[in-house]
């Protein structure tokens, strides 16, 4: 079986593995802003591929290649930007 997804989509996951809200499309303007915990039920913030990996395996893993772009990550070092950058 193979799965294909669009990169850069944001998924907010509860501790039980279910989505806390619908996945945000890569075209959603909210992706340009860092995620702020508005909902205490959110345990993980990941991409749509990270969500599927979590649902299929229970692991919280994903590739960093899915985070470069609209996410607050330095494309050269692949490190998360510090607050205020």
PDB file of N, CA and C in Angstrom:
ATOM      1  N   UNK A   1       0.850  -1.153   0.000  1.00  0.00           N
ATOM      2  CA  UNK A   1       0.000   0.000   0.000  1.00  0.00           C
ATOM      3  C   UNK A   1       0.902   1.223   0.000  1.00  0.00           C
ATOM      4  N   UNK A   2       0.489   2.258  -0.680  1.00  0.00           N
ATOM      5  CA  UNK A   2       1.218   3.515  -0.672  1.00  0.00           C
ATOM      6  C   UNK A   2       0.275   4.654  -0.354  1.00  0.00           C
ATOM      7  N   UNK A   3       0.793   5.649   0.309  1.00  0.00           N
ATOM      8  CA  UNK A   3       0.005   6.837   0.638  1.00  0.00           C
ATOM      9  C   UNK A   3       0.717   8.051   0.087  1.00  0.00           C
ATOM     10  N   UNK A   4      -0.021   8.963  -0.462  1.00  0.00           N
ATOM     11  CA  UNK A   4       0.562  10.205  -0.941  1.00  0.00           C
ATOM     12  C   UNK A   4      -0.187  11.377  -0.345  1.00  0.00           C
ATOM     13  N   UNK A   5       0.554  12.373   0.071  1.00  0.00           N
ATOM     14  CA  UNK A   5      -0.061  13.537   0.706  1.00  0.00           C
ATOM     15  C   UNK A   5       0.559  14.818   0.192  1.00  0.00           C
ATOM     16  N   UNK A   6      -0.143  15.907   0.417  1.00  0.00           N
ATOM     17  CA  UNK A   6       0.397  17.220   0.112  1.00  0.00           C
ATOM     18  C   UNK A   6       1.192  17.689   1.325  1.00  0.00           C
ATOM     19  N   UNK A   7       2.420  18.175   1.077  1.00  0.00           N
ATOM     20  CA  UNK A   7       3.264  18.635   2.178  1.00  0.00           C
ATOM     21  C   UNK A   7       2.710  19.906   2.798  1.00  0.00           C
ATOM     22  N   UNK A   8       3.209  20.227   3.962  1.00  0.00           N
ATOM     23  CA  UNK A   8       2.981  21.488   4.677  1.00  0.00           C
ATOM     24  C   UNK A   8       1.631  21.606   5.369  1.00  0.00           C
ATOM     25  N   UNK A   9       0.750  20.635   5.296  1.00  0.00           N
ATOM     26  CA  UNK A   9      -0.526  20.748   5.993  1.00  0.00           C
ATOM     27  C   UNK A   9      -0.304  20.530   7.487  1.00  0.00           C
ATOM     28  N   UNK A  10      -1.044  21.258   8.327  1.00  0.00           N
ATOM     29  CA  UNK A  10      -0.866  21.190   9.787  1.00  0.00           C
ATOM     30  C   UNK A  10      -1.978  20.366  10.411  1.00  0.00           C
ATOM     31  N   UNK A  11      -1.586  19.406  11.242  1.00  0.00           N
ATOM     32  CA  UNK A  11      -2.530  18.566  11.970  1.00  0.00           C
ATOM     33  C   UNK A  11      -2.304  18.750  13.470  1.00  0.00           C
ATOM     34  N   UNK A  12      -3.382  19.001  14.189  1.00  0.00           N
ATOM     35  CA  UNK A  12      -3.348  19.135  15.644  1.00  0.00           C
ATOM     36  C   UNK A  12      -3.937  17.858  16.222  1.00  0.00           C
ATOM     37  N   UNK A  13      -3.138  17.144  17.021  1.00  0.00           N
ATOM     38  CA  UNK A  13      -3.525  15.817  17.498  1.00  0.00           C
ATOM     39  C   UNK A  13      -3.705  15.824  19.008  1.00  0.00           C
ATOM     40  N   UNK A  14      -4.788  15.192  19.446  1.00  0.00           N
ATOM     41  CA  UNK A  14      -5.056  15.009  20.879  1.00  0.00           C
ATOM     42  C   UNK A  14      -4.205  13.856  21.411  1.00  0.00           C
ATOM     43  N   UNK A  15      -4.143  13.717  22.710  1.00  0.00           N
ATOM     44  CA  UNK A  15      -3.365  12.647  23.343  1.00  0.00           C
ATOM     45  C   UNK A  15      -3.870  11.263  22.928  1.00  0.00           C
ATOM     46  N   UNK A  16      -5.168  11.141  22.609  1.00  0.00           N
ATOM     47  CA  UNK A  16      -5.709   9.837  22.216  1.00  0.00           C
ATOM     48  C   UNK A  16      -5.459   9.502  20.746  1.00  0.00           C
ATOM     49  N   UNK A  17      -4.774  10.405  19.997  1.00  0.00           N
ATOM     50  CA  UNK A  17      -4.442  10.151  18.607  1.00  0.00           C
ATOM     51  C   UNK A  17      -5.432  10.697  17.606  1.00  0.00           C
ATOM     52  N   UNK A  18      -6.548  11.230  18.072  1.00  0.00           N
ATOM     53  CA  UNK A  18      -7.535  11.810  17.171  1.00  0.00           C
ATOM     54  C   UNK A  18      -7.211  13.271  16.890  1.00  0.00           C
ATOM     55  N   UNK A  19      -7.744  13.764  15.776  1.00  0.00           N
ATOM     56  CA  UNK A  19      -7.546  15.167  15.434  1.00  0.00           C
ATOM     57  C   UNK A  19      -8.301  16.074  16.406  1.00  0.00           C
ATOM     58  N   UNK A  20      -7.656  17.162  16.811  1.00  0.00           N
ATOM     59  CA  UNK A  20      -8.306  18.152  17.666  1.00  0.00           C
ATOM     60  C   UNK A  20      -9.157  19.101  16.833  1.00  0.00           C
ATOM     61  N   UNK A  21      -8.829  19.229  15.549  1.00  0.00           N
ATOM     62  CA  UNK A  21      -9.582  20.066  14.612  1.00  0.00           C
ATOM     63  C   UNK A  21      -9.250  19.569  13.208  1.00  0.00           C
ATOM     64  N   UNK A  22     -10.014  20.000  12.192  1.00  0.00           N
ATOM     65  CA  UNK A  22      -9.684  19.575  10.830  1.00  0.00           C
ATOM     66  C   UNK A  22      -8.268  19.998  10.438  1.00  0.00           C
ATOM     67  N   UNK A  23      -7.621  19.214   9.603  1.00  0.00           N
ATOM     68  CA  UNK A  23      -6.270  19.522   9.130  1.00  0.00           C
ATOM     69  C   UNK A  23      -6.310  20.843   8.361  1.00  0.00           C
ATOM     70  N   UNK A  24      -5.333  21.708   8.631  1.00  0.00           N
ATOM     71  CA  UNK A  24      -5.236  22.990   7.936  1.00  0.00           C
ATOM     72  C   UNK A  24      -4.471  22.783   6.641  1.00  0.00           C
ATOM     73  N   UNK A  25      -5.066  23.209   5.535  1.00  0.00           N
ATOM     74  CA  UNK A  25      -4.460  23.080   4.215  1.00  0.00           C
ATOM     75  C   UNK A  25      -3.191  23.918   4.119  1.00  0.00           C
ATOM     76  N   UNK A  26      -2.302  23.538   3.233  1.00  0.00           N
ATOM     77  CA  UNK A  26      -1.084  24.316   3.003  1.00  0.00           C
ATOM     78  C   UNK A  26      -1.413  25.706   2.479  1.00  0.00           C
ATOM     79  N   UNK A  27      -2.615  25.926   1.967  1.00  0.00           N
ATOM     80  CA  UNK A  27      -3.018  27.244   1.465  1.00  0.00           C
ATOM     81  C   UNK A  27      -3.633  28.119   2.547  1.00  0.00           C
ATOM     82  N   UNK A  28      -3.828  27.587   3.747  1.00  0.00           N
ATOM     83  CA  UNK A  28      -4.447  28.320   4.852  1.00  0.00           C
ATOM     84  C   UNK A  28      -3.465  29.356   5.393  1.00  0.00           C
ATOM     85  N   UNK A  29      -3.886  30.600   5.486  1.00  0.00           N
ATOM     86  CA  UNK A  29      -3.005  31.667   5.961  1.00  0.00           C
ATOM     87  C   UNK A  29      -2.535  31.461   7.398  1.00  0.00           C
ATOM     88  N   UNK A  30      -3.263  30.666   8.190  1.00  0.00           N
ATOM     89  CA  UNK A  30      -2.850  30.414   9.579  1.00  0.00           C
ATOM     90  C   UNK A  30      -1.520  29.678   9.660  1.00  0.00           C
ATOM     91  N   UNK A  31      -1.130  28.966   8.598  1.00  0.00           N
ATOM     92  CA  UNK A  31       0.144  28.250   8.618  1.00  0.00           C
ATOM     93  C   UNK A  31       1.344  29.179   8.630  1.00  0.00           C
ATOM     94  N   UNK A  32       1.161  30.431   8.224  1.00  0.00           N
ATOM     95  CA  UNK A  32       2.263  31.392   8.225  1.00  0.00           C
ATOM     96  C   UNK A  32       2.605  31.869   9.632  1.00  0.00           C
ATOM     97  N   UNK A  33       1.743  31.582  10.592  1.00  0.00           N
ATOM     98  CA  UNK A  33       1.969  31.990  11.979  1.00  0.00           C
ATOM     99  C   UNK A  33       2.316  30.770  12.815  1.00  0.00           C
ATOM    100  N   UNK A  34       3.193  30.946  13.806  1.00  0.00           N
ATOM    101  CA  UNK A  34       3.467  29.820  14.714  1.00  0.00           C
ATOM    102  C   UNK A  34       2.189  29.377  15.416  1.00  0.00           C
ATOM    103  N   UNK A  35       2.100  28.106  15.696  1.00  0.00           N
ATOM    104  CA  UNK A  35       0.923  27.577  16.381  1.00  0.00           C
ATOM    105  C   UNK A  35       0.923  28.021  17.830  1.00  0.00           C
ATOM    106  N   UNK A  36      -0.193  28.551  18.278  1.00  0.00           N
ATOM    107  CA  UNK A  36      -0.379  28.928  19.683  1.00  0.00           C
ATOM    108  C   UNK A  36      -1.403  27.968  20.278  1.00  0.00           C
ATOM    109  N   UNK A  37      -1.114  27.456  21.456  1.00  0.00           N
ATOM    110  CA  UNK A  37      -2.032  26.513  22.104  1.00  0.00           C
ATOM    111  C   UNK A  37      -3.321  27.220  22.495  1.00  0.00           C
ATOM    112  N   UNK A  38      -4.304  27.154  21.626  1.00  0.00           N
ATOM    113  CA  UNK A  38      -5.616  27.710  21.917  1.00  0.00           C
ATOM    114  C   UNK A  38      -6.523  26.652  22.522  1.00  0.00           C
ATOM    115  N   UNK A  39      -6.144  25.423  22.353  1.00  0.00           N
ATOM    116  CA  UNK A  39      -6.966  24.309  22.805  1.00  0.00           C
ATOM    117  C   UNK A  39      -6.089  23.394  23.654  1.00  0.00           C
ATOM    118  N   UNK A  40      -6.429  23.233  24.912  1.00  0.00           N
ATOM    119  CA  UNK A  40      -5.618  22.423  25.822  1.00  0.00           C
ATOM    120  C   UNK A  40      -5.631  20.936  25.472  1.00  0.00           C
ATOM    121  N   UNK A  41      -6.539  20.522  24.579  1.00  0.00           N
ATOM    122  CA  UNK A  41      -6.590  19.107  24.225  1.00  0.00           C
ATOM    123  C   UNK A  41      -5.508  18.728  23.214  1.00  0.00           C
ATOM    124  N   UNK A  42      -4.810  19.710  22.630  1.00  0.00           N
ATOM    125  CA  UNK A  42      -3.779  19.427  21.632  1.00  0.00           C
ATOM    126  C   UNK A  42      -2.518  18.915  22.310  1.00  0.00           C
ATOM    127  N   UNK A  43      -2.076  17.740  21.894  1.00  0.00           N
ATOM    128  CA  UNK A  43      -0.863  17.140  22.443  1.00  0.00           C
ATOM    129  C   UNK A  43       0.310  17.266  21.471  1.00  0.00           C
ATOM    130  N   UNK A  44       0.028  17.122  20.167  1.00  0.00           N
ATOM    131  CA  UNK A  44       1.067  17.172  19.149  1.00  0.00           C
ATOM    132  C   UNK A  44       0.639  18.092  18.011  1.00  0.00           C
ATOM    133  N   UNK A  45       1.601  18.794  17.442  1.00  0.00           N
ATOM    134  CA  UNK A  45       1.393  19.574  16.224  1.00  0.00           C
ATOM    135  C   UNK A  45       2.307  18.969  15.180  1.00  0.00           C
ATOM    136  N   UNK A  46       1.736  18.554  14.056  1.00  0.00           N
ATOM    137  CA  UNK A  46       2.513  17.862  13.035  1.00  0.00           C
ATOM    138  C   UNK A  46       1.930  18.163  11.660  1.00  0.00           C
ATOM    139  N   UNK A  47       2.401  17.465  10.655  1.00  0.00           N
ATOM    140  CA  UNK A  47       1.860  17.589   9.302  1.00  0.00           C
ATOM    141  C   UNK A  47       0.841  16.480   9.068  1.00  0.00           C
ATOM    142  N   UNK A  48       0.220  16.495   7.902  1.00  0.00           N
ATOM    143  CA  UNK A  48      -0.739  15.434   7.587  1.00  0.00           C
ATOM    144  C   UNK A  48      -0.040  14.073   7.525  1.00  0.00           C
ATOM    145  N   UNK A  49       1.205  14.026   7.055  1.00  0.00           N
ATOM    146  CA  UNK A  49       1.931  12.752   7.041  1.00  0.00           C
ATOM    147  C   UNK A  49       2.250  12.306   8.469  1.00  0.00           C
ATOM    148  N   UNK A  50       2.611  13.252   9.340  1.00  0.00           N
ATOM    149  CA  UNK A  50       2.860  12.918  10.739  1.00  0.00           C
ATOM    150  C   UNK A  50       1.621  12.345  11.403  1.00  0.00           C
ATOM    151  N   UNK A  51       0.465  12.892  11.055  1.00  0.00           N
ATOM    152  CA  UNK A  51      -0.800  12.385  11.594  1.00  0.00           C
ATOM    153  C   UNK A  51      -1.044  10.951  11.138  1.00  0.00           C
ATOM    154  N   UNK A  52      -0.852  10.685   9.843  1.00  0.00           N
ATOM    155  CA  UNK A  52      -1.068   9.324   9.345  1.00  0.00           C
ATOM    156  C   UNK A  52      -0.081   8.332   9.948  1.00  0.00           C
ATOM    157  N   UNK A  53       1.179   8.746  10.079  1.00  0.00           N
ATOM    158  CA  UNK A  53       2.172   7.873  10.720  1.00  0.00           C
ATOM    159  C   UNK A  53       1.750   7.563  12.151  1.00  0.00           C
ATOM    160  N   UNK A  54       1.273   8.577  12.858  1.00  0.00           N
ATOM    161  CA  UNK A  54       0.823   8.382  14.246  1.00  0.00           C
ATOM    162  C   UNK A  54      -0.367   7.418  14.300  1.00  0.00           C
ATOM    163  N   UNK A  55      -1.316   7.585  13.395  1.00  0.00           N
ATOM    164  CA  UNK A  55      -2.498   6.718  13.388  1.00  0.00           C
ATOM    165  C   UNK A  55      -2.150   5.276  12.997  1.00  0.00           C
ATOM    166  N   UNK A  56      -1.216   5.115  12.073  1.00  0.00           N
ATOM    167  CA  UNK A  56      -0.878   3.774  11.602  1.00  0.00           C
ATOM    168  C   UNK A  56       0.078   3.025  12.521  1.00  0.00           C
ATOM    169  N   UNK A  57       0.975   3.751  13.190  1.00  0.00           N
ATOM    170  CA  UNK A  57       2.020   3.087  13.976  1.00  0.00           C
ATOM    171  C   UNK A  57       2.023   3.448  15.456  1.00  0.00           C
ATOM    172  N   UNK A  58       1.361   4.546  15.829  1.00  0.00           N
ATOM    173  CA  UNK A  58       1.417   5.015  17.207  1.00  0.00           C
ATOM    174  C   UNK A  58       2.660   5.836  17.496  1.00  0.00           C
ATOM    175  N   UNK A  59       3.560   5.960  16.519  1.00  0.00           N
ATOM    176  CA  UNK A  59       4.795   6.734  16.670  1.00  0.00           C
ATOM    177  C   UNK A  59       4.542   8.201  16.327  1.00  0.00           C
ATOM    178  N   UNK A  60       5.250   9.081  16.988  1.00  0.00           N
ATOM    179  CA  UNK A  60       5.155  10.508  16.674  1.00  0.00           C
ATOM    180  C   UNK A  60       6.412  10.898  15.913  1.00  0.00           C
ATOM    181  N   UNK A  61       6.458  10.484  14.652  1.00  0.00           N
ATOM    182  CA  UNK A  61       7.613  10.730  13.792  1.00  0.00           C
ATOM    183  C   UNK A  61       7.143  11.298  12.460  1.00  0.00           C
ATOM    184  N   UNK A  62       8.030  12.039  11.839  1.00  0.00           N
ATOM    185  CA  UNK A  62       7.759  12.585  10.518  1.00  0.00           C
ATOM    186  C   UNK A  62       9.090  13.035   9.937  1.00  0.00           C
ATOM    187  N   UNK A  63       9.109  13.390   8.686  1.00  0.00           N
ATOM    188  CA  UNK A  63      10.323  13.887   8.059  1.00  0.00           C
ATOM    189  C   UNK A  63      10.374  15.407   8.144  1.00  0.00           C
ATOM    190  N   UNK A  64      11.553  15.953   8.423  1.00  0.00           N
ATOM    191  CA  UNK A  64      11.696  17.411   8.505  1.00  0.00           C
ATOM    192  C   UNK A  64      11.401  18.094   7.174  1.00  0.00           C
ATOM    193  N   UNK A  65      11.520  17.370   6.082  1.00  0.00           N
ATOM    194  CA  UNK A  65      11.262  17.958   4.770  1.00  0.00           C
ATOM    195  C   UNK A  65       9.835  18.493   4.660  1.00  0.00           C
ATOM    196  N   UNK A  66       8.927  17.952   5.447  1.00  0.00           N
ATOM    197  CA  UNK A  66       7.540  18.421   5.425  1.00  0.00           C
ATOM    198  C   UNK A  66       7.334  19.722   6.198  1.00  0.00           C
ATOM    199  N   UNK A  67       8.318  20.164   6.934  1.00  0.00           N
ATOM    200  CA  UNK A  67       8.142  21.332   7.789  1.00  0.00           C
ATOM    201  C   UNK A  67       8.780  22.592   7.234  1.00  0.00           C
ATOM    202  N   UNK A  68       9.714  22.463   6.319  1.00  0.00           N
ATOM    203  CA  UNK A  68      10.355  23.635   5.724  1.00  0.00           C
ATOM    204  C   UNK A  68       9.352  24.283   4.782  1.00  0.00           C
ATOM    205  N   UNK A  69       9.225  25.578   4.854  1.00  0.00           N
ATOM    206  CA  UNK A  69       8.255  26.309   4.031  1.00  0.00           C
ATOM    207  C   UNK A  69       7.442  27.208   4.926  1.00  0.00           C
ATOM    208  N   UNK A  70       6.165  26.906   5.117  1.00  0.00           N
ATOM    209  CA  UNK A  70       5.325  27.784   5.925  1.00  0.00           C
ATOM    210  C   UNK A  70       5.487  27.596   7.427  1.00  0.00           C
ATOM    211  N   UNK A  71       6.251  26.614   7.858  1.00  0.00           N
ATOM    212  CA  UNK A  71       6.435  26.384   9.286  1.00  0.00           C
ATOM    213  C   UNK A  71       7.578  27.259   9.798  1.00  0.00           C
ATOM    214  N   UNK A  72       7.595  27.572  11.083  1.00  0.00           N
ATOM    215  CA  UNK A  72       8.657  28.428  11.643  1.00  0.00           C
ATOM    216  C   UNK A  72       9.968  27.664  11.842  1.00  0.00           C
ATOM    217  N   UNK A  73      10.610  27.310  10.710  1.00  0.00           N
ATOM    218  CA  UNK A  73      11.828  26.518  10.738  1.00  0.00           C
ATOM    219  C   UNK A  73      12.864  27.136   9.807  1.00  0.00           C
ATOM    220  N   UNK A  74      14.099  27.178  10.269  1.00  0.00           N
ATOM    221  CA  UNK A  74      15.197  27.700   9.460  1.00  0.00           C
ATOM    222  C   UNK A  74      15.507  26.680   8.363  1.00  0.00           C
ATOM    223  N   UNK A  75      15.381  27.062   7.078  1.00  0.00           N
ATOM    224  CA  UNK A  75      15.594  26.093   6.006  1.00  0.00           C
ATOM    225  C   UNK A  75      17.043  25.633   5.860  1.00  0.00           C
ATOM    226  N   UNK A  76      17.996  26.402   6.404  1.00  0.00           N
ATOM    227  CA  UNK A  76      19.399  26.014   6.293  1.00  0.00           C
ATOM    228  C   UNK A  76      19.825  25.036   7.376  1.00  0.00           C
ATOM    229  N   UNK A  77      19.366  25.262   8.613  1.00  0.00           N
ATOM    230  CA  UNK A  77      19.772  24.404   9.725  1.00  0.00           C
ATOM    231  C   UNK A  77      18.725  23.362  10.099  1.00  0.00           C
ATOM    232  N   UNK A  78      17.487  23.549   9.626  1.00  0.00           N
ATOM    233  CA  UNK A  78      16.343  22.703   9.981  1.00  0.00           C
ATOM    234  C   UNK A  78      16.026  22.757  11.464  1.00  0.00           C
ATOM    235  N   UNK A  79      16.414  23.844  12.126  1.00  0.00           N
ATOM    236  CA  UNK A  79      16.075  24.076  13.530  1.00  0.00           C
ATOM    237  C   UNK A  79      14.840  24.960  13.597  1.00  0.00           C
ATOM    238  N   UNK A  80      14.044  24.775  14.666  1.00  0.00           N
ATOM    239  CA  UNK A  80      12.891  25.649  14.875  1.00  0.00           C
ATOM    240  C   UNK A  80      13.400  27.053  15.220  1.00  0.00           C
ATOM    241  N   UNK A  81      12.723  28.061  14.669  1.00  0.00           N
ATOM    242  CA  UNK A  81      13.049  29.442  15.050  1.00  0.00           C
ATOM    243  C   UNK A  81      12.703  29.664  16.509  1.00  0.00           C
ATOM    244  N   UNK A  82      13.503  30.458  17.175  1.00  0.00           N
ATOM    245  CA  UNK A  82      13.214  30.840  18.562  1.00  0.00           C
ATOM    246  C   UNK A  82      12.019  31.785  18.553  1.00  0.00           C
ATOM    247  N   UNK A  83      11.312  31.897  19.679  1.00  0.00           N
ATOM    248  CA  UNK A  83      10.211  32.849  19.778  1.00  0.00           C
ATOM    249  C   UNK A  83      10.711  34.247  19.484  1.00  0.00           C
ATOM    250  N   UNK A  84       9.914  34.997  18.720  1.00  0.00           N
ATOM    251  CA  UNK A  84      10.266  36.363  18.413  1.00  0.00           C
ATOM    252  C   UNK A  84      10.995  36.525  17.095  1.00  0.00           C
ATOM    253  N   UNK A  85      11.394  35.415  16.437  1.00  0.00           N
ATOM    254  CA  UNK A  85      12.073  35.517  15.141  1.00  0.00           C
ATOM    255  C   UNK A  85      11.080  35.663  14.021  1.00  0.00           C
TER     256      UNK A  85
END
